[in-house]
Amino acid sequence: MEIMYLVDTSIFLEVLLIQEKCKICKDFFDLNIGNLYISDFSLHSIGVVLLRNKKEDFFQRLTINVVPNIDIITLPKNSIGV
């Protein structure tokens, strides 16, 4: 059985903002491309952070180069249990 990963916002931001653990995160992406998921909320959050940091071009490159290689998931409204 293949392992699938739901990748958190912070992992993407490590790479996009070239933070301390950027290399580790890049290696993770390289090793697991094709087995990665991101929530629509995380994608939105990444956009908010990058736009606030005046890095709109980073978000555009993410959506063009990365998003086609990962699966975006949406949690149904009734899954929260409210």
Protein backbone atom coordinates (compact mmCIF):
# COMPACT_ATOMS: atom_id res chain seq x y z
CA MET A 1 0.00 0.00 0.00
CA GLU A 2 1.30 3.42 -0.98
CA ILE A 3 1.65 6.11 1.69
CA MET A 4 -0.15 9.38 0.98
CA TYR A 5 0.71 12.64 2.78
CA LEU A 6 -1.54 15.55 3.69
CA VAL A 7 0.98 18.39 3.65
CA ASP A 8 0.56 21.27 6.07
CA THR A 9 0.78 24.94 5.13
CA SER A 10 4.00 25.39 7.08
CA ILE A 11 5.87 22.82 4.99
CA PHE A 12 5.13 24.74 1.80
CA LEU A 13 6.00 28.06 3.45
CA GLU A 14 9.37 26.69 4.60
CA VAL A 15 10.30 26.26 0.95
CA LEU A 16 8.57 29.32 -0.49
CA LEU A 17 9.99 31.70 2.11
CA ILE A 18 13.39 29.93 2.18
CA GLN A 19 13.26 29.31 5.91
CA GLU A 20 15.53 27.29 8.19
CA LYS A 21 14.27 23.81 7.18
CA CYS A 22 13.83 24.57 3.49
CA LYS A 23 16.20 21.83 2.29
CA ILE A 24 14.52 19.13 4.40
CA CYS A 25 11.12 20.16 3.06
CA LYS A 26 12.35 20.26 -0.55
CA ASP A 27 13.79 16.77 -0.15
CA PHE A 28 10.46 15.57 1.25
CA PHE A 29 8.62 17.01 -1.76
CA ASP A 30 11.09 15.49 -4.21
CA LEU A 31 10.82 12.04 -2.63
CA ASN A 32 7.03 12.04 -2.37
CA ILE A 33 5.71 13.94 -5.36
CA GLY A 34 2.66 12.12 -6.64
CA ASN A 35 1.72 11.06 -3.10
CA LEU A 36 0.93 14.52 -1.75
CA TYR A 37 -2.33 16.18 -0.81
CA ILE A 38 -3.08 19.70 0.34
CA SER A 39 -6.35 21.01 1.71
CA ASP A 40 -8.06 23.87 -0.06
CA PHE A 41 -7.82 25.77 3.24
CA SER A 42 -4.03 25.31 3.35
CA LEU A 43 -3.71 26.51 -0.23
CA HIS A 44 -5.75 29.58 0.65
CA SER A 45 -3.61 30.18 3.77
CA ILE A 46 -0.41 30.00 1.74
CA GLY A 47 -1.84 32.59 -0.63
CA VAL A 48 -2.72 34.92 2.25
CA VAL A 49 0.77 34.68 3.78
CA LEU A 50 2.55 35.20 0.47
CA LEU A 51 0.36 38.14 -0.52
CA ARG A 52 0.94 39.79 2.86
CA ASN A 53 4.67 39.34 2.33
CA LYS A 54 4.47 40.91 -1.16
CA LYS A 55 5.40 37.60 -2.82
CA GLU A 56 2.54 37.28 -5.26
CA ASP A 57 4.90 35.82 -7.85
CA PHE A 58 5.73 32.95 -5.46
CA PHE A 59 2.04 32.07 -5.19
CA GLN A 60 1.64 32.20 -8.94
CA ARG A 61 4.62 29.86 -9.42
CA LEU A 62 3.19 27.52 -6.76
CA THR A 63 -0.13 27.30 -8.56
CA ILE A 64 1.49 26.79 -11.96
CA ASN A 65 4.32 24.40 -11.04
CA VAL A 66 3.29 22.55 -7.89
CA VAL A 67 -0.50 22.38 -7.67
CA PRO A 68 -0.86 20.30 -10.86
CA ASN A 69 1.37 17.64 -9.24
CA ILE A 70 -0.55 17.31 -5.97
CA ASP A 71 -4.15 16.62 -5.08
CA ILE A 72 -6.28 19.32 -3.46
CA ILE A 73 -8.88 18.05 -1.03
CA THR A 74 -11.90 19.73 0.48
CA LEU A 75 -13.44 18.58 3.71
CA PRO A 76 -17.20 18.35 3.56
CA LYS A 77 -19.02 20.89 5.76
CA ASN A 78 -20.70 18.18 7.79
CA SER A 79 -17.40 16.43 8.64
CA ILE A 80 -16.63 18.84 11.48
CA GLY A 81 -19.39 17.48 13.68
CA VAL A 82 -21.05 20.82 14.34
